[in-house]
Amino acid sequence: MRGEVDASVRIEDGHTPNRLKLTRQLVSQYIDTWYDKDTSWSKLDVEFVESLPGECIPPRGACLIAMVGDEGAGCVLLRPVDPLSVEVLKLYVHPGYRETGVARGLMEEAFRRAASTYQTMQLQVHLSRLPAISLYRSLGFVEQTPQDLPGYLEMRLSLAHSRETPETQ
């Protein structure tokens, strides 16, 4: 099913009162999966989750969750960087829903939401997250240099380009 979004996946706003708790749970799962809780990031992570939705609300940002039935399958956050750029944060798919198109569906909706406001989308991804890097490249993200954070890849996408992809590819 790679490259396709399963029809049973619904992308919803995660900042609404009835979905915010689920969004926070999914972001916490992301943090538990990818970060060592014994680092200085730990306190910042807790504060970040508690502050959601923060800047990740329309019209400048977004909290998006993927739903399959009544279950949260994944999430992605968009946070404004400046008037022309938005940052992708915490793209996460629950292990039981990986390789089902959930990440692609979340990113396609993120493009749709951001394209009317921003010119570029940017992100940082850990070098060990090869499936995520592959997805980002397939969606048109390109690597940026120099890298400010060791062990991470900085990537950027022109949203004018995303208006042509992935739907028209």
C-alpha atoms as a PDB file:
ATOM      1  CA  MET A   1       0.000   0.000   0.000  1.00  0.00           C
ATOM      2  CA  ARG A   2       3.018   2.339   0.019  1.00  0.00           C
ATOM      3  CA  GLY A   3       2.339   5.653  -1.696  1.00  0.00           C
ATOM      4  CA  GLU A   4      -1.434   5.432  -1.229  1.00  0.00           C
ATOM      5  CA  VAL A   5      -3.653   6.698   1.554  1.00  0.00           C
ATOM      6  CA  ASP A   6      -6.067   4.091   2.900  1.00  0.00           C
ATOM      7  CA  ALA A   7      -9.657   5.259   2.372  1.00  0.00           C
ATOM      8  CA  SER A   8     -10.518   4.432   5.986  1.00  0.00           C
ATOM      9  CA  VAL A   9      -8.091   7.131   7.233  1.00  0.00           C
ATOM     10  CA  ARG A  10      -9.726  10.449   8.143  1.00  0.00           C
ATOM     11  CA  ILE A  11      -7.631  13.534   8.843  1.00  0.00           C
ATOM     12  CA  GLU A  12      -9.202  15.776  11.473  1.00  0.00           C
ATOM     13  CA  ASP A  13      -8.358  18.909  13.419  1.00  0.00           C
ATOM     14  CA  GLY A  14      -6.600  17.919  16.615  1.00  0.00           C
ATOM     15  CA  HIS A  15      -6.879  21.275  18.390  1.00  0.00           C
ATOM     16  CA  THR A  16     -10.625  21.047  19.011  1.00  0.00           C
ATOM     17  CA  PRO A  17     -11.852  20.376  22.572  1.00  0.00           C
ATOM     18  CA  ASN A  18     -13.019  16.845  21.718  1.00  0.00           C
ATOM     19  CA  ARG A  19      -9.688  15.887  20.041  1.00  0.00           C
ATOM     20  CA  LEU A  20      -7.028  17.806  22.020  1.00  0.00           C
ATOM     21  CA  LYS A  21      -6.540  15.041  24.619  1.00  0.00           C
ATOM     22  CA  LEU A  22      -5.941  12.514  21.815  1.00  0.00           C
ATOM     23  CA  THR A  23      -3.522  14.899  20.093  1.00  0.00           C
ATOM     24  CA  ARG A  24      -1.541  15.253  23.314  1.00  0.00           C
ATOM     25  CA  GLN A  25      -1.479  11.454  23.725  1.00  0.00           C
ATOM     26  CA  LEU A  26      -0.163  10.968  20.176  1.00  0.00           C
ATOM     27  CA  VAL A  27       2.516  13.652  20.609  1.00  0.00           C
ATOM     28  CA  SER A  28       3.528  12.029  23.917  1.00  0.00           C
ATOM     29  CA  GLN A  29       3.830   8.664  22.128  1.00  0.00           C
ATOM     30  CA  TYR A  30       6.064  10.344  19.537  1.00  0.00           C
ATOM     31  CA  ILE A  31       8.275  11.767  22.281  1.00  0.00           C
ATOM     32  CA  ASP A  32       8.415   8.417  24.116  1.00  0.00           C
ATOM     33  CA  THR A  33       9.366   6.676  20.854  1.00  0.00           C
ATOM     34  CA  TRP A  34      12.065   9.025  19.634  1.00  0.00           C
ATOM     35  CA  TYR A  35      13.614  10.772  22.636  1.00  0.00           C
ATOM     36  CA  ASP A  36      15.607   9.557  25.610  1.00  0.00           C
ATOM     37  CA  LYS A  37      13.615  10.735  28.639  1.00  0.00           C
ATOM     38  CA  ASP A  38      16.825  11.112  30.668  1.00  0.00           C
ATOM     39  CA  THR A  39      18.002  14.114  28.679  1.00  0.00           C
ATOM     40  CA  SER A  40      17.525  17.828  29.116  1.00  0.00           C
ATOM     41  CA  TRP A  41      14.828  17.596  26.442  1.00  0.00           C
ATOM     42  CA  SER A  42      12.538  15.817  28.902  1.00  0.00           C
ATOM     43  CA  LYS A  43      11.298  18.951  30.722  1.00  0.00           C
ATOM     44  CA  LEU A  44      10.863  20.794  27.428  1.00  0.00           C
ATOM     45  CA  ASP A  45       8.877  17.868  26.009  1.00  0.00           C
ATOM     46  CA  VAL A  46       6.451  17.862  28.943  1.00  0.00           C
ATOM     47  CA  GLU A  47       6.001  21.623  28.677  1.00  0.00           C
ATOM     48  CA  PHE A  48       5.457  21.341  24.919  1.00  0.00           C
ATOM     49  CA  VAL A  49       2.733  18.700  25.266  1.00  0.00           C
ATOM     50  CA  GLU A  50       0.999  20.633  28.053  1.00  0.00           C
ATOM     51  CA  SER A  51       1.088  23.844  25.977  1.00  0.00           C
ATOM     52  CA  LEU A  52      -0.645  22.271  22.970  1.00  0.00           C
ATOM     53  CA  PRO A  53      -2.167  23.521  20.789  1.00  0.00           C
ATOM     54  CA  GLY A  54      -0.050  26.665  21.371  1.00  0.00           C
ATOM     55  CA  GLU A  55       0.939  28.164  18.028  1.00  0.00           C
ATOM     56  CA  CYS A  56      -0.301  25.066  16.192  1.00  0.00           C
ATOM     57  CA  ILE A  57      -3.794  26.385  15.531  1.00  0.00           C
ATOM     58  CA  PRO A  58      -5.455  27.800  12.432  1.00  0.00           C
ATOM     59  CA  PRO A  59      -5.107  29.997  10.551  1.00  0.00           C
ATOM     60  CA  ARG A  60      -1.292  30.128  10.974  1.00  0.00           C
ATOM     61  CA  GLY A  61      -0.664  26.595  12.262  1.00  0.00           C
ATOM     62  CA  ALA A  62      -2.376  23.234  12.626  1.00  0.00           C
ATOM     63  CA  CYS A  63      -2.737  20.157  14.829  1.00  0.00           C
ATOM     64  CA  LEU A  64      -3.818  17.313  12.587  1.00  0.00           C
ATOM     65  CA  ILE A  65      -4.705  13.801  13.666  1.00  0.00           C
ATOM     66  CA  ALA A  66      -5.363  10.726  11.563  1.00  0.00           C
ATOM     67  CA  MET A  67      -8.319   8.666  12.665  1.00  0.00           C
ATOM     68  CA  VAL A  68      -9.112   5.076  11.722  1.00  0.00           C
ATOM     69  CA  GLY A  69     -12.531   4.369  13.150  1.00  0.00           C
ATOM     70  CA  ASP A  70     -12.404   5.704  16.703  1.00  0.00           C
ATOM     71  CA  GLU A  71      -8.637   5.235  17.069  1.00  0.00           C
ATOM     72  CA  GLY A  72      -5.944   7.852  16.732  1.00  0.00           C
ATOM     73  CA  ALA A  73      -3.497   6.538  14.147  1.00  0.00           C
ATOM     74  CA  GLY A  74      -1.105   9.481  13.930  1.00  0.00           C
ATOM     75  CA  CYS A  75      -0.531  13.199  14.123  1.00  0.00           C
ATOM     76  CA  VAL A  76       1.415  16.107  12.706  1.00  0.00           C
ATOM     77  CA  LEU A  77       1.783  19.678  13.916  1.00  0.00           C
ATOM     78  CA  LEU A  78       2.435  22.831  11.910  1.00  0.00           C
ATOM     79  CA  ARG A  79       3.943  25.855  13.632  1.00  0.00           C
ATOM     80  CA  PRO A  80       4.606  29.232  12.006  1.00  0.00           C
ATOM     81  CA  VAL A  81       8.287  30.161  11.706  1.00  0.00           C
ATOM     82  CA  ASP A  82       7.874  33.537  10.049  1.00  0.00           C
ATOM     83  CA  PRO A  83       5.314  35.135   7.701  1.00  0.00           C
ATOM     84  CA  LEU A  84       6.515  32.997   4.777  1.00  0.00           C
ATOM     85  CA  SER A  85       7.497  29.681   6.418  1.00  0.00           C
ATOM     86  CA  VAL A  86       5.861  26.968   8.495  1.00  0.00           C
ATOM     87  CA  GLU A  87       7.586  24.131  10.360  1.00  0.00           C
ATOM     88  CA  VAL A  88       6.469  20.496  10.431  1.00  0.00           C
ATOM     89  CA  LEU A  89       6.683  19.095  13.963  1.00  0.00           C
ATOM     90  CA  LYS A  90       6.090  15.671  15.468  1.00  0.00           C
ATOM     91  CA  LEU A  91       4.922  13.660  12.463  1.00  0.00           C
ATOM     92  CA  TYR A  92       4.039  10.415  14.187  1.00  0.00           C
ATOM     93  CA  VAL A  93       2.231   7.243  13.164  1.00  0.00           C
ATOM     94  CA  HIS A  94       1.294   4.614  15.732  1.00  0.00           C
ATOM     95  CA  PRO A  95       3.216   1.378  14.989  1.00  0.00           C
ATOM     96  CA  GLY A  96       0.006  -0.497  14.169  1.00  0.00           C
ATOM     97  CA  TYR A  97      -0.754   1.927  11.328  1.00  0.00           C
ATOM     98  CA  ARG A  98       2.660   2.322   9.713  1.00  0.00           C
ATOM     99  CA  GLU A  99       2.933   1.681   5.970  1.00  0.00           C
ATOM    100  CA  THR A 100      -0.819   2.242   5.537  1.00  0.00           C
ATOM    101  CA  GLY A 101      -0.581   5.765   4.082  1.00  0.00           C
ATOM    102  CA  VAL A 102      -1.301   7.566   7.360  1.00  0.00           C
ATOM    103  CA  ALA A 103       1.889   9.672   7.255  1.00  0.00           C
ATOM    104  CA  ARG A 104       1.321  10.577   3.609  1.00  0.00           C
ATOM    105  CA  GLY A 105      -2.300  11.507   4.334  1.00  0.00           C
ATOM    106  CA  LEU A 106      -1.249  13.726   7.228  1.00  0.00           C
ATOM    107  CA  MET A 107       1.393  15.433   5.099  1.00  0.00           C
ATOM    108  CA  GLU A 108      -0.968  15.946   2.148  1.00  0.00           C
ATOM    109  CA  GLU A 109      -3.462  17.664   4.451  1.00  0.00           C
ATOM    110  CA  ALA A 110      -0.627  19.700   5.986  1.00  0.00           C
ATOM    111  CA  PHE A 111       0.314  20.878   2.466  1.00  0.00           C
ATOM    112  CA  ARG A 112      -3.276  21.810   1.734  1.00  0.00           C
ATOM    113  CA  ARG A 113      -3.582  23.799   4.966  1.00  0.00           C
ATOM    114  CA  ALA A 114      -0.239  25.576   4.633  1.00  0.00           C
ATOM    115  CA  ALA A 115      -0.245  26.364   0.906  1.00  0.00           C
ATOM    116  CA  SER A 116      -2.704  29.239   1.156  1.00  0.00           C
ATOM    117  CA  THR A 117      -0.625  31.031   3.801  1.00  0.00           C
ATOM    118  CA  TYR A 118       3.035  30.068   3.367  1.00  0.00           C
ATOM    119  CA  GLN A 119       5.655  29.820   0.652  1.00  0.00           C
ATOM    120  CA  THR A 120       7.858  27.187   2.300  1.00  0.00           C
ATOM    121  CA  MET A 121       7.567  24.279   4.684  1.00  0.00           C
ATOM    122  CA  GLN A 122      10.581  23.149   6.697  1.00  0.00           C
ATOM    123  CA  LEU A 123      11.446  20.361   9.096  1.00  0.00           C
ATOM    124  CA  GLN A 124      14.221  18.592  10.933  1.00  0.00           C
ATOM    125  CA  VAL A 125      14.385  14.817  11.000  1.00  0.00           C
ATOM    126  CA  HIS A 126      16.795  12.537  12.838  1.00  0.00           C
ATOM    127  CA  LEU A 127      19.150  10.713  10.483  1.00  0.00           C
ATOM    128  CA  SER A 128      18.038   7.347  11.920  1.00  0.00           C
ATOM    129  CA  ARG A 129      14.456   7.856  10.709  1.00  0.00           C
ATOM    130  CA  LEU A 130      15.024   6.500   7.215  1.00  0.00           C
ATOM    131  CA  PRO A 131      11.347   5.802   6.367  1.00  0.00           C
ATOM    132  CA  ALA A 132      10.440   9.397   7.277  1.00  0.00           C
ATOM    133  CA  ILE A 133      13.317  10.786   5.221  1.00  0.00           C
ATOM    134  CA  SER A 134      12.207   8.657   2.278  1.00  0.00           C
ATOM    135  CA  LEU A 135       8.634   9.931   2.625  1.00  0.00           C
ATOM    136  CA  TYR A 136       9.761  13.552   2.809  1.00  0.00           C
ATOM    137  CA  ARG A 137      11.927  13.156  -0.283  1.00  0.00           C
ATOM    138  CA  SER A 138       9.058  11.505  -2.179  1.00  0.00           C
ATOM    139  CA  LEU A 139       6.893  14.506  -1.305  1.00  0.00           C
ATOM    140  CA  GLY A 140       9.434  16.948  -2.738  1.00  0.00           C
ATOM    141  CA  PHE A 141      11.385  18.042   0.334  1.00  0.00           C
ATOM    142  CA  VAL A 142      15.045  18.804  -0.353  1.00  0.00           C
ATOM    143  CA  GLU A 143      17.956  18.730   2.051  1.00  0.00           C
ATOM    144  CA  GLN A 144      19.327  22.038   3.292  1.00  0.00           C
ATOM    145  CA  THR A 145      22.836  22.927   4.351  1.00  0.00           C
ATOM    146  CA  PRO A 146      24.355  23.772   6.716  1.00  0.00           C
ATOM    147  CA  GLN A 147      22.829  21.597   9.389  1.00  0.00           C
ATOM    148  CA  ASP A 148      22.465  23.378  12.729  1.00  0.00           C
ATOM    149  CA  LEU A 149      21.695  20.309  14.777  1.00  0.00           C
ATOM    150  CA  PRO A 150      24.126  17.350  14.684  1.00  0.00           C
ATOM    151  CA  GLY A 151      22.425  14.055  13.853  1.00  0.00           C
ATOM    152  CA  TYR A 152      19.492  15.750  12.140  1.00  0.00           C
ATOM    153  CA  LEU A 153      18.699  16.517   8.550  1.00  0.00           C
ATOM    154  CA  GLU A 154      17.118  19.855   7.713  1.00  0.00           C
ATOM    155  CA  MET A 155      14.695  19.734   4.801  1.00  0.00           C
ATOM    156  CA  ARG A 156      12.608  22.323   2.980  1.00  0.00           C
ATOM    157  CA  LEU A 157       9.757  22.282   0.499  1.00  0.00           C
ATOM    158  CA  SER A 158       8.483  25.043  -1.739  1.00  0.00           C
ATOM    159  CA  LEU A 159       4.728  25.048  -1.260  1.00  0.00           C
ATOM    160  CA  ALA A 160       4.306  26.285  -4.817  1.00  0.00           C
ATOM    161  CA  HIS A 161       5.840  22.888  -5.726  1.00  0.00           C
ATOM    162  CA  SER A 162       3.498  21.061  -3.340  1.00  0.00           C
ATOM    163  CA  ARG A 163       0.488  22.495  -5.150  1.00  0.00           C
ATOM    164  CA  GLU A 164       1.600  20.267  -8.028  1.00  0.00           C
ATOM    165  CA  THR A 165       2.424  17.210  -5.879  1.00  0.00           C
ATOM    166  CA  PRO A 166       1.660  14.619  -4.719  1.00  0.00           C
ATOM    167  CA  GLU A 167      -1.891  14.604  -6.097  1.00  0.00           C
ATOM    168  CA  THR A 168      -0.823  15.375  -9.693  1.00  0.00           C
ATOM    169  CA  GLN A 169       2.100  12.972  -9.805  1.00  0.00           C
END
